[in-house]
């Protein structure tokens, strides 16, 4: 249990550093925005399922969280 939390935390740090590198190294374009939003969505899901223990919640909450996240990301990209 503790090992998976450290792995998740390390992955969150890598994703955050990747987001910072992408935002600093690339010019502002549609691809840059999609990459940053995608990485942020992955980080949101990691935090929700690992640290907020959503994986133990009812299936309704899992589906509704992923659906709302998908709608938000789709709305931002379009």
N, C-alpha and C. Protein backbone atom coordinates (compact mmCIF):
# COMPACT_ATOMS: atom_id res chain seq x y z
N UNK A 1 0.83 -1.19 0.00
CA UNK A 1 0.00 0.00 0.00
C UNK A 1 0.88 1.26 0.00
N UNK A 2 1.83 1.31 0.92
CA UNK A 2 2.67 2.48 1.03
C UNK A 2 3.53 2.65 -0.22
N UNK A 3 3.97 1.52 -0.79
CA UNK A 3 4.82 1.58 -1.98
C UNK A 3 4.05 2.17 -3.16
N UNK A 4 2.78 1.78 -3.32
CA UNK A 4 2.00 2.30 -4.45
C UNK A 4 1.73 3.79 -4.28
N UNK A 5 1.59 4.24 -3.04
CA UNK A 5 1.39 5.68 -2.83
C UNK A 5 2.64 6.47 -3.21
N UNK A 6 3.82 5.94 -2.89
CA UNK A 6 5.06 6.61 -3.28
C UNK A 6 5.25 6.60 -4.79
N UNK A 7 4.87 5.51 -5.43
CA UNK A 7 4.96 5.44 -6.89
C UNK A 7 4.01 6.45 -7.52
N UNK A 8 2.80 6.54 -7.00
CA UNK A 8 1.83 7.51 -7.49
C UNK A 8 2.33 8.93 -7.27
N UNK A 9 2.88 9.19 -6.12
CA UNK A 9 3.41 10.52 -5.82
C UNK A 9 4.56 10.86 -6.77
N UNK A 10 5.44 9.91 -7.03
CA UNK A 10 6.54 10.12 -7.97
C UNK A 10 6.03 10.39 -9.38
N UNK A 11 5.00 9.65 -9.78
CA UNK A 11 4.40 9.86 -11.09
C UNK A 11 3.77 11.24 -11.19
N UNK A 12 3.14 11.70 -10.12
CA UNK A 12 2.57 13.05 -10.11
C UNK A 12 3.66 14.11 -10.26
N UNK A 13 4.78 13.90 -9.62
CA UNK A 13 5.90 14.85 -9.75
C UNK A 13 6.42 14.86 -11.18
N UNK A 14 6.56 13.68 -11.79
CA UNK A 14 7.04 13.60 -13.17
C UNK A 14 6.04 14.28 -14.12
N UNK A 15 4.75 14.05 -13.92
CA UNK A 15 3.75 14.68 -14.77
C UNK A 15 3.74 16.19 -14.61
N UNK A 16 3.93 16.66 -13.38
CA UNK A 16 3.98 18.10 -13.13
C UNK A 16 5.21 18.72 -13.80
N UNK A 17 6.35 18.05 -13.68
CA UNK A 17 7.57 18.55 -14.34
C UNK A 17 7.41 18.53 -15.85
N UNK A 18 6.76 17.50 -16.38
CA UNK A 18 6.52 17.43 -17.82
C UNK A 18 5.63 18.57 -18.28
N UNK A 19 4.61 18.87 -17.51
CA UNK A 19 3.73 19.98 -17.84
C UNK A 19 4.50 21.30 -17.87
N UNK A 20 5.36 21.49 -16.88
CA UNK A 20 6.16 22.72 -16.83
C UNK A 20 7.11 22.81 -18.02
N UNK A 21 7.75 21.70 -18.36
CA UNK A 21 8.67 21.70 -19.50
C UNK A 21 7.94 21.96 -20.81
N UNK A 22 6.78 21.35 -20.97
CA UNK A 22 6.00 21.56 -22.19
C UNK A 22 5.58 23.02 -22.31
N UNK A 23 5.13 23.59 -21.22
CA UNK A 23 4.64 24.98 -21.27
C UNK A 23 5.78 25.97 -21.50
N UNK A 24 6.98 25.64 -21.05
CA UNK A 24 8.11 26.55 -21.23
C UNK A 24 8.83 26.37 -22.55
N UNK A 25 8.84 25.17 -23.09
CA UNK A 25 9.65 24.91 -24.27
C UNK A 25 8.90 25.06 -25.59
N UNK A 26 7.60 24.92 -25.56
CA UNK A 26 6.83 24.98 -26.80
C UNK A 26 6.11 26.31 -26.91
N UNK A 27 5.90 26.74 -28.14
CA UNK A 27 5.10 27.94 -28.34
C UNK A 27 3.63 27.58 -28.10
N UNK A 28 2.84 28.58 -27.85
CA UNK A 28 1.43 28.33 -27.56
C UNK A 28 0.74 27.89 -28.85
N UNK A 29 0.29 26.67 -28.84
CA UNK A 29 -0.42 26.13 -29.99
C UNK A 29 -1.52 25.21 -29.49
N UNK A 30 -2.30 24.72 -30.39
CA UNK A 30 -3.39 23.81 -30.02
C UNK A 30 -2.83 22.52 -29.41
N UNK A 31 -1.72 22.03 -29.96
CA UNK A 31 -1.10 20.81 -29.43
C UNK A 31 -0.61 21.01 -28.00
N UNK A 32 -0.01 22.14 -27.74
CA UNK A 32 0.48 22.44 -26.39
C UNK A 32 -0.68 22.45 -25.39
N UNK A 33 -1.76 23.09 -25.77
CA UNK A 33 -2.91 23.18 -24.88
C UNK A 33 -3.50 21.80 -24.63
N UNK A 34 -3.62 20.98 -25.67
CA UNK A 34 -4.17 19.64 -25.51
C UNK A 34 -3.27 18.79 -24.63
N UNK A 35 -1.94 18.89 -24.80
CA UNK A 35 -1.01 18.13 -23.96
C UNK A 35 -1.12 18.53 -22.49
N UNK A 36 -1.17 19.82 -22.23
CA UNK A 36 -1.24 20.28 -20.85
C UNK A 36 -2.56 19.88 -20.20
N UNK A 37 -3.66 20.00 -20.93
CA UNK A 37 -4.96 19.60 -20.38
C UNK A 37 -5.00 18.10 -20.16
N UNK A 38 -4.44 17.33 -21.09
CA UNK A 38 -4.40 15.87 -20.94
C UNK A 38 -3.60 15.44 -19.73
N UNK A 39 -2.43 16.04 -19.54
CA UNK A 39 -1.62 15.71 -18.37
C UNK A 39 -2.32 16.11 -17.08
N UNK A 40 -3.01 17.24 -17.10
CA UNK A 40 -3.74 17.67 -15.91
C UNK A 40 -4.89 16.72 -15.60
N UNK A 41 -5.56 16.21 -16.63
CA UNK A 41 -6.64 15.25 -16.41
C UNK A 41 -6.11 13.95 -15.81
N UNK A 42 -4.96 13.50 -16.29
CA UNK A 42 -4.35 12.28 -15.74
C UNK A 42 -3.99 12.50 -14.27
N UNK A 43 -3.43 13.66 -13.96
CA UNK A 43 -3.07 13.96 -12.56
C UNK A 43 -4.33 14.01 -11.70
N UNK A 44 -5.40 14.60 -12.21
CA UNK A 44 -6.65 14.66 -11.47
C UNK A 44 -7.18 13.26 -11.17
N UNK A 45 -7.13 12.37 -12.15
CA UNK A 45 -7.61 11.01 -11.94
C UNK A 45 -6.72 10.25 -10.96
N UNK A 46 -5.40 10.44 -11.04
CA UNK A 46 -4.51 9.79 -10.09
C UNK A 46 -4.80 10.23 -8.66
N UNK A 47 -4.98 11.50 -8.47
CA UNK A 47 -5.27 12.02 -7.13
C UNK A 47 -6.61 11.52 -6.65
N UNK A 48 -7.60 11.54 -7.53
CA UNK A 48 -8.94 11.11 -7.13
C UNK A 48 -8.98 9.64 -6.73
N UNK A 49 -8.37 8.79 -7.55
CA UNK A 49 -8.48 7.36 -7.29
C UNK A 49 -7.51 6.86 -6.23
N UNK A 50 -6.34 7.45 -6.12
CA UNK A 50 -5.36 6.96 -5.14
C UNK A 50 -5.48 7.65 -3.78
N UNK A 51 -5.43 8.98 -3.77
CA UNK A 51 -5.35 9.69 -2.51
C UNK A 51 -6.72 9.99 -1.90
N UNK A 52 -7.76 10.11 -2.73
CA UNK A 52 -9.11 10.35 -2.22
C UNK A 52 -9.89 9.05 -2.11
N UNK A 53 -9.26 7.93 -2.46
CA UNK A 53 -9.80 6.59 -2.37
C UNK A 53 -11.13 6.43 -3.09
N UNK A 54 -11.22 7.01 -4.26
CA UNK A 54 -12.42 6.87 -5.07
C UNK A 54 -12.56 5.45 -5.61
N UNK A 55 -11.45 4.72 -5.66
CA UNK A 55 -11.51 3.35 -6.17
C UNK A 55 -12.37 2.46 -5.28
N UNK A 56 -12.60 2.85 -4.03
CA UNK A 56 -13.45 2.09 -3.12
C UNK A 56 -14.89 2.58 -3.11
N UNK A 57 -15.16 3.64 -3.86
CA UNK A 57 -16.49 4.24 -3.86
C UNK A 57 -17.44 3.46 -4.78
N UNK A 58 -18.70 3.83 -4.70
CA UNK A 58 -19.73 3.26 -5.55
C UNK A 58 -19.42 3.56 -7.02
N UNK A 59 -19.84 2.67 -7.91
CA UNK A 59 -19.57 2.84 -9.34
C UNK A 59 -20.19 4.12 -9.88
N UNK A 60 -21.29 4.56 -9.31
CA UNK A 60 -21.93 5.80 -9.75
C UNK A 60 -20.98 6.98 -9.65
N UNK A 61 -20.24 7.07 -8.55
CA UNK A 61 -19.32 8.19 -8.36
C UNK A 61 -18.14 8.12 -9.31
N UNK A 62 -17.67 6.92 -9.58
CA UNK A 62 -16.56 6.77 -10.52
C UNK A 62 -16.97 7.21 -11.93
N UNK A 63 -18.13 6.71 -12.36
CA UNK A 63 -18.60 7.03 -13.71
C UNK A 63 -18.93 8.51 -13.82
N UNK A 64 -19.56 9.08 -12.80
CA UNK A 64 -19.92 10.50 -12.87
C UNK A 64 -18.68 11.39 -12.86
N UNK A 65 -17.67 11.05 -12.09
CA UNK A 65 -16.44 11.84 -12.07
C UNK A 65 -15.74 11.80 -13.42
N UNK A 66 -15.61 10.62 -13.99
CA UNK A 66 -14.94 10.50 -15.28
C UNK A 66 -15.76 11.18 -16.38
N UNK A 67 -17.08 11.07 -16.31
CA UNK A 67 -17.93 11.72 -17.31
C UNK A 67 -17.82 13.24 -17.24
N UNK A 68 -17.88 13.79 -16.05
CA UNK A 68 -17.76 15.25 -15.90
C UNK A 68 -16.38 15.71 -16.34
N UNK A 69 -15.35 14.99 -15.98
CA UNK A 69 -13.99 15.34 -16.43
C UNK A 69 -13.90 15.31 -17.94
N UNK A 70 -14.47 14.28 -18.55
CA UNK A 70 -14.45 14.20 -20.01
C UNK A 70 -15.18 15.36 -20.66
N UNK A 71 -16.32 15.75 -20.10
CA UNK A 71 -17.07 16.88 -20.64
C UNK A 71 -16.30 18.19 -20.50
N UNK A 72 -15.65 18.37 -19.37
CA UNK A 72 -14.86 19.59 -19.14
C UNK A 72 -13.69 19.66 -20.11
N UNK A 73 -12.96 18.56 -20.25
CA UNK A 73 -11.80 18.53 -21.16
C UNK A 73 -12.27 18.74 -22.59
N UNK A 74 -13.34 18.07 -22.98
CA UNK A 74 -13.86 18.23 -24.34
C UNK A 74 -14.33 19.66 -24.58
N UNK A 75 -14.97 20.25 -23.58
CA UNK A 75 -15.42 21.63 -23.71
C UNK A 75 -14.28 22.62 -23.84
N UNK A 76 -13.20 22.39 -23.13
CA UNK A 76 -12.04 23.28 -23.20
C UNK A 76 -11.34 23.13 -24.54
N UNK A 77 -11.19 21.90 -25.01
CA UNK A 77 -10.48 21.67 -26.26
C UNK A 77 -11.25 22.20 -27.46
N UNK A 78 -12.57 22.02 -27.43
CA UNK A 78 -13.38 22.50 -28.57
C UNK A 78 -13.54 23.99 -28.48
